[in-house]
């Protein structure tokens, strides 16, 4: 199963899915918050990318989950990249534990 890029969207298993970066850039935050969110995404992805192998569909799915986690913890006052990054990683880890049924 592959990912075929098409602008901000990717075709995954024949379906069109929004690209993680496009999801972030389309968020309703001011320019300073968007810059912080984008930087937090890049830093968080660099930290966890090695956990998702080399399959493009798996990678894009993980990037989308990270973007969704980041947007769930950000607001228009968000400026601290490290706080955003850590909160998004914690949210993503919690979501994975819940999906796997290992939530404490």
Protein backbone atom coordinates (compact mmCIF):
# COMPACT_ATOMS: atom_id res chain seq x y z
CA UNK A 1 0.00 0.00 0.00
CA UNK A 2 1.56 3.29 -1.05
CA UNK A 3 1.02 6.98 -0.69
CA UNK A 4 0.80 9.11 -3.80
CA UNK A 5 1.27 12.80 -3.13
CA UNK A 6 -1.11 15.17 -4.86
CA UNK A 7 -0.50 18.69 -3.56
CA UNK A 8 -1.69 18.92 0.03
CA UNK A 9 -3.45 15.58 -0.21
CA UNK A 10 -2.20 12.02 -0.51
CA UNK A 11 -3.89 8.98 -1.99
CA UNK A 12 -3.64 6.20 0.56
CA UNK A 13 -5.06 2.83 -0.46
CA UNK A 14 -7.18 4.56 -3.09
CA UNK A 15 -8.58 7.16 -0.67
CA UNK A 16 -7.73 10.82 -0.51
CA UNK A 17 -6.33 11.85 2.84
CA UNK A 18 -5.25 15.27 4.02
CA UNK A 19 -1.53 15.75 4.41
CA UNK A 20 -0.39 16.45 8.01
CA UNK A 21 1.41 19.66 7.05
CA UNK A 22 -1.68 20.95 5.22
CA UNK A 23 -3.81 20.20 8.28
CA UNK A 24 -1.50 22.33 10.43
CA UNK A 25 -1.18 25.16 7.93
CA UNK A 26 -4.96 25.30 7.57
CA UNK A 27 -5.55 25.68 11.32
CA UNK A 28 -7.27 28.83 12.53
CA UNK A 29 -4.40 30.34 14.49
CA UNK A 30 -2.55 33.61 14.13
CA UNK A 31 0.82 33.69 12.37
CA UNK A 32 2.91 33.43 15.55
CA UNK A 33 0.95 30.47 16.87
CA UNK A 34 1.07 28.75 13.45
CA UNK A 35 4.83 29.21 13.33
CA UNK A 36 5.20 27.66 16.80
CA UNK A 37 2.85 24.79 15.96
CA UNK A 38 4.71 24.08 12.71
CA UNK A 39 8.06 24.08 14.46
CA UNK A 40 6.72 21.86 17.26
CA UNK A 41 5.41 19.42 14.64
CA UNK A 42 8.77 19.26 12.86
CA UNK A 43 10.69 18.74 16.11
CA UNK A 44 8.25 16.13 17.41
CA UNK A 45 8.29 14.23 14.12
CA UNK A 46 12.10 14.23 14.11
CA UNK A 47 11.99 12.70 17.58
CA UNK A 48 9.54 9.88 16.75
CA UNK A 49 9.90 9.23 13.00
CA UNK A 50 12.13 6.20 13.52
CA UNK A 51 9.28 4.37 15.27
CA UNK A 52 7.14 4.11 12.14
CA UNK A 53 9.29 2.17 9.69
CA UNK A 54 9.56 2.90 6.00
CA UNK A 55 6.06 2.16 4.65
CA UNK A 56 4.78 5.49 3.24
CA UNK A 57 1.15 4.87 4.28
CA UNK A 58 2.18 4.10 7.87
CA UNK A 59 4.40 7.16 7.99
CA UNK A 60 1.72 9.48 6.64
CA UNK A 61 -0.86 8.04 9.03
CA UNK A 62 1.49 8.66 11.97
CA UNK A 63 2.24 12.19 10.78
CA UNK A 64 -1.48 12.89 10.54
CA UNK A 65 -2.04 11.53 14.05
CA UNK A 66 0.77 13.75 15.33
CA UNK A 67 -0.72 16.79 13.60
CA UNK A 68 -4.15 16.03 15.09
CA UNK A 69 -2.62 15.56 18.55
CA UNK A 70 -0.73 18.83 18.22
CA UNK A 71 -3.80 20.76 17.11
CA UNK A 72 -5.78 19.28 20.01
CA UNK A 73 -3.37 20.85 22.53
CA UNK A 74 -2.64 24.15 20.75
CA UNK A 75 -4.54 27.40 20.84
CA UNK A 76 -4.04 30.88 19.41
CA UNK A 77 -1.88 31.83 22.41
CA UNK A 78 0.52 28.92 21.84
CA UNK A 79 4.09 30.14 21.44
CA UNK A 80 6.27 27.72 23.44
CA UNK A 81 7.50 25.14 20.93
CA UNK A 82 8.86 22.74 23.58
CA UNK A 83 5.60 22.77 25.55
CA UNK A 84 3.59 22.16 22.37
CA UNK A 85 5.91 19.36 21.28
CA UNK A 86 5.81 17.54 24.62
CA UNK A 87 2.04 17.94 24.99
CA UNK A 88 1.45 16.60 21.47
CA UNK A 89 3.74 13.61 22.03
CA UNK A 90 1.97 12.83 25.31
CA UNK A 91 -1.44 13.14 23.63
CA UNK A 92 -0.35 10.88 20.78
CA UNK A 93 1.06 8.29 23.21
CA UNK A 94 -2.17 8.37 25.22
CA UNK A 95 -4.21 7.89 22.05
CA UNK A 96 -2.08 4.88 21.04
CA UNK A 97 -2.38 3.32 24.51
CA UNK A 98 -6.14 3.79 24.44
CA UNK A 99 -6.40 2.21 20.98
CA UNK A 100 -4.31 -0.76 22.06
CA UNK A 101 -6.30 -1.23 25.26
CA UNK A 102 -3.29 -0.60 27.49
CA UNK A 103 -4.59 2.56 29.10
CA UNK A 104 -3.88 2.39 32.86
